[in-house]
Every structure is written in structure tokens, then in C-alpha cells.
Amino acid sequence: MKKVIIDQAGPLPISVQVEGIGDIPVIFTISGSCYTNTNTGMTGINLEIDGSQVAQSIIYANNLNVHLATVTKAYETNLDTDNGVPKTHTIQLSNLPNTVTDGNDWFTVTMHV
């Protein structure tokens, strides 16, 4: 089963609430676009679950002010339960340092079970 939980334009941060499904492995895939306007170098987006950074989707920016697609990243985890009862989790995308996002950038997070 897969469920698209974020599929929208920026800017970041973007947060959603998702209901866990129990103590089984879940894979999140993240992708998006971004740019830098200060320095060439690594730029990208963070995936945070309940306030903890767990993965990054990144790209090296050689040019300033050019929107770039980040490399799709997959992250496997088990979403916590409350004594076996699924609970709600906050999924958030945010900018890495040296990263800018705006309404011209698009972000997708998919949850695979």
C-alpha cells in the first residue's frame, strides 16, 4: 500500500499529520526542488518525523538562483505506537542550510507500507 501524504507547492516548511498503522516497517520517499541564492554547494530538503530530522533529499547547486530537482530519497522506519495502538505523527519538510524554496518548487512525500 502507498499513500501520498504531501504533494504541493512550497515554500517550506510544510507539515502534515499522519496516523501510524502499527509496529511495522514504513518507507517514506521524498522529492522536491529548491535553489540557493548565496553560495554554490549542497542544497536540499529535510524530512522530519515528530521533530527529528531523519533523512535529506539533496543536490549540489553550481549556479545561484536556479531551481533544481533534488535526488529522491527513501527512508525506512517504524512509526511508534502507544502500547500497540497507532498514534498520530507529524511529518515535516524543511529547508537545509543554504536552501531557498518558493511557490515555484514542488514537494512530494509518499508513505509505503
C-alpha atoms as a PDB file:
ATOM      1  CA  MET A   1       0.000   0.000   0.000  1.00  0.00           C
ATOM      2  CA  LYS A   2       1.218   3.509  -0.700  1.00  0.00           C
ATOM      3  CA  LYS A   3      -0.219   6.846   0.298  1.00  0.00           C
ATOM      4  CA  VAL A   4       0.854  10.270  -0.956  1.00  0.00           C
ATOM      5  CA  ILE A   5       0.902  12.452   2.153  1.00  0.00           C
ATOM      6  CA  ILE A   6       2.423  15.643   0.693  1.00  0.00           C
ATOM      7  CA  ASP A   7       2.010  16.754  -2.918  1.00  0.00           C
ATOM      8  CA  GLN A   8       2.085  20.521  -3.120  1.00  0.00           C
ATOM      9  CA  ALA A   9       3.979  23.667  -3.992  1.00  0.00           C
ATOM     10  CA  GLY A  10       6.252  25.401  -1.496  1.00  0.00           C
ATOM     11  CA  PRO A  11       7.622  27.310   0.159  1.00  0.00           C
ATOM     12  CA  LEU A  12       8.870  25.126   3.010  1.00  0.00           C
ATOM     13  CA  PRO A  13       8.212  24.264   5.766  1.00  0.00           C
ATOM     14  CA  ILE A  14       5.232  22.015   5.022  1.00  0.00           C
ATOM     15  CA  SER A  15       3.748  19.839   7.783  1.00  0.00           C
ATOM     16  CA  VAL A  16       1.070  17.150   7.800  1.00  0.00           C
ATOM     17  CA  GLN A  17      -0.329  14.781  10.397  1.00  0.00           C
ATOM     18  CA  VAL A  18      -0.416  11.059   9.596  1.00  0.00           C
ATOM     19  CA  GLU A  19      -1.898   8.186  11.515  1.00  0.00           C
ATOM     20  CA  GLY A  20       0.529   5.362  12.197  1.00  0.00           C
ATOM     21  CA  ILE A  21      -0.545   1.872  11.189  1.00  0.00           C
ATOM     22  CA  GLY A  22       1.136  -0.226  13.834  1.00  0.00           C
ATOM     23  CA  ASP A  23       4.594  -1.503  14.561  1.00  0.00           C
ATOM     24  CA  ILE A  24       5.546  -2.495  11.015  1.00  0.00           C
ATOM     25  CA  PRO A  25       8.177  -1.033   8.666  1.00  0.00           C
ATOM     26  CA  VAL A  26       7.166   2.058   6.722  1.00  0.00           C
ATOM     27  CA  ILE A  27       9.171   3.587   3.878  1.00  0.00           C
ATOM     28  CA  PHE A  28       8.904   7.299   3.146  1.00  0.00           C
ATOM     29  CA  THR A  29      10.088   8.629  -0.206  1.00  0.00           C
ATOM     30  CA  ILE A  30      10.768  12.337  -0.538  1.00  0.00           C
ATOM     31  CA  SER A  31      11.476  14.549  -3.514  1.00  0.00           C
ATOM     32  CA  GLY A  32      11.251  18.189  -4.369  1.00  0.00           C
ATOM     33  CA  SER A  33      13.034  21.168  -5.826  1.00  0.00           C
ATOM     34  CA  CYS A  34      14.909  24.123  -4.408  1.00  0.00           C
ATOM     35  CA  TYR A  35      17.656  26.627  -5.115  1.00  0.00           C
ATOM     36  CA  THR A  36      20.370  28.642  -3.443  1.00  0.00           C
ATOM     37  CA  ASN A  37      20.901  32.374  -3.725  1.00  0.00           C
ATOM     38  CA  THR A  38      24.014  32.761  -1.570  1.00  0.00           C
ATOM     39  CA  ASN A  39      26.691  30.105  -2.172  1.00  0.00           C
ATOM     40  CA  THR A  40      27.224  27.198  -4.509  1.00  0.00           C
ATOM     41  CA  GLY A  41      27.197  23.885  -2.663  1.00  0.00           C
ATOM     42  CA  MET A  42      24.825  21.317  -1.226  1.00  0.00           C
ATOM     43  CA  THR A  43      21.205  22.351  -1.070  1.00  0.00           C
ATOM     44  CA  GLY A  44      18.057  20.383  -0.343  1.00  0.00           C
ATOM     45  CA  ILE A  45      15.246  19.444   1.976  1.00  0.00           C
ATOM     46  CA  ASN A  46      14.940  17.742   5.368  1.00  0.00           C
ATOM     47  CA  LEU A  47      12.390  15.085   6.261  1.00  0.00           C
ATOM     48  CA  GLU A  48      11.426  15.344   9.912  1.00  0.00           C
ATOM     49  CA  ILE A  49       9.235  12.932  11.850  1.00  0.00           C
ATOM     50  CA  ASP A  50       7.877  14.239  15.149  1.00  0.00           C
ATOM     51  CA  GLY A  51      10.523  16.973  15.195  1.00  0.00           C
ATOM     52  CA  SER A  52      13.541  14.743  14.494  1.00  0.00           C
ATOM     53  CA  GLN A  53      15.460  15.028  11.228  1.00  0.00           C
ATOM     54  CA  VAL A  54      15.596  11.546   9.690  1.00  0.00           C
ATOM     55  CA  ALA A  55      16.518  11.998   6.017  1.00  0.00           C
ATOM     56  CA  GLN A  56      17.566  14.532   3.403  1.00  0.00           C
ATOM     57  CA  SER A  57      16.910  14.873  -0.303  1.00  0.00           C
ATOM     58  CA  ILE A  58      19.839  16.884  -1.679  1.00  0.00           C
ATOM     59  CA  ILE A  59      21.552  18.204  -4.809  1.00  0.00           C
ATOM     60  CA  TYR A  60      24.749  20.154  -5.452  1.00  0.00           C
ATOM     61  CA  ALA A  61      23.986  23.636  -6.796  1.00  0.00           C
ATOM     62  CA  ASN A  62      26.658  25.014  -9.135  1.00  0.00           C
ATOM     63  CA  ASN A  63      24.658  28.116 -10.043  1.00  0.00           C
ATOM     64  CA  LEU A  64      22.776  30.657  -7.973  1.00  0.00           C
ATOM     65  CA  ASN A  65      19.023  31.219  -8.358  1.00  0.00           C
ATOM     66  CA  VAL A  66      18.428  28.114 -10.494  1.00  0.00           C
ATOM     67  CA  HIS A  67      15.698  25.739  -9.314  1.00  0.00           C
ATOM     68  CA  LEU A  68      16.967  22.149  -9.165  1.00  0.00           C
ATOM     69  CA  ALA A  69      15.227  18.832  -8.558  1.00  0.00           C
ATOM     70  CA  THR A  70      16.629  17.059  -5.507  1.00  0.00           C
ATOM     71  CA  VAL A  71      17.608  13.403  -5.640  1.00  0.00           C
ATOM     72  CA  THR A  72      14.705  11.234  -4.452  1.00  0.00           C
ATOM     73  CA  LYS A  73      15.448   9.677  -1.067  1.00  0.00           C
ATOM     74  CA  ALA A  74      13.866   6.654   0.623  1.00  0.00           C
ATOM     75  CA  TYR A  75      13.839   6.281   4.405  1.00  0.00           C
ATOM     76  CA  GLU A  76      12.650   3.195   6.322  1.00  0.00           C
ATOM     77  CA  THR A  77      11.363   3.393   9.879  1.00  0.00           C
ATOM     78  CA  ASN A  78       8.745   2.019  12.251  1.00  0.00           C
ATOM     79  CA  LEU A  79       6.247   4.628  13.417  1.00  0.00           C
ATOM     80  CA  ASP A  80       5.820   4.492  17.185  1.00  0.00           C
ATOM     81  CA  THR A  81       2.652   3.146  18.704  1.00  0.00           C
ATOM     82  CA  ASP A  82       1.088   3.792  22.085  1.00  0.00           C
ATOM     83  CA  ASN A  83       1.002   0.287  23.624  1.00  0.00           C
ATOM     84  CA  GLY A  84       0.161  -1.218  20.243  1.00  0.00           C
ATOM     85  CA  VAL A  85      -2.379   1.469  19.325  1.00  0.00           C
ATOM     86  CA  PRO A  86      -1.357   3.560  16.301  1.00  0.00           C
ATOM     87  CA  LYS A  87      -0.816   7.241  17.079  1.00  0.00           C
ATOM     88  CA  THR A  88      -0.648  10.441  15.071  1.00  0.00           C
ATOM     89  CA  HIS A  89       2.745  11.630  13.822  1.00  0.00           C
ATOM     90  CA  THR A  90       3.901  14.965  12.395  1.00  0.00           C
ATOM     91  CA  ILE A  91       5.724  14.760   9.076  1.00  0.00           C
ATOM     92  CA  GLN A  92       7.516  17.948   8.062  1.00  0.00           C
ATOM     93  CA  LEU A  93       9.677  19.070   5.162  1.00  0.00           C
ATOM     94  CA  SER A  94      12.049  21.969   5.823  1.00  0.00           C
ATOM     95  CA  ASN A  95      14.957  23.710   4.093  1.00  0.00           C
ATOM     96  CA  LEU A  96      18.543  22.648   4.584  1.00  0.00           C
ATOM     97  CA  PRO A  97      21.007  25.483   5.223  1.00  0.00           C
ATOM     98  CA  ASN A  98      21.911  27.360   2.023  1.00  0.00           C
ATOM     99  CA  THR A  99      18.475  26.465   0.591  1.00  0.00           C
ATOM    100  CA  VAL A 100      15.585  28.599  -0.630  1.00  0.00           C
ATOM    101  CA  THR A 101      12.132  27.360  -1.666  1.00  0.00           C
ATOM    102  CA  ASP A 102       9.156  29.250  -3.025  1.00  0.00           C
ATOM    103  CA  GLY A 103       5.876  28.708  -4.849  1.00  0.00           C
ATOM    104  CA  ASN A 104       7.757  27.512  -7.942  1.00  0.00           C
ATOM    105  CA  ASP A 105       9.057  24.445  -6.070  1.00  0.00           C
ATOM    106  CA  TRP A 106       7.050  21.238  -5.705  1.00  0.00           C
ATOM    107  CA  PHE A 107       7.314  18.620  -2.952  1.00  0.00           C
ATOM    108  CA  THR A 108       6.126  15.039  -2.694  1.00  0.00           C
ATOM    109  CA  VAL A 109       6.263  12.625   0.239  1.00  0.00           C
ATOM    110  CA  THR A 110       4.875   9.110  -0.161  1.00  0.00           C
ATOM    111  CA  MET A 111       4.397   6.574   2.634  1.00  0.00           C
ATOM    112  CA  HIS A 112       4.817   2.922   1.568  1.00  0.00           C
ATOM    113  CA  VAL A 113       3.680   0.049   3.789  1.00  0.00           C
END
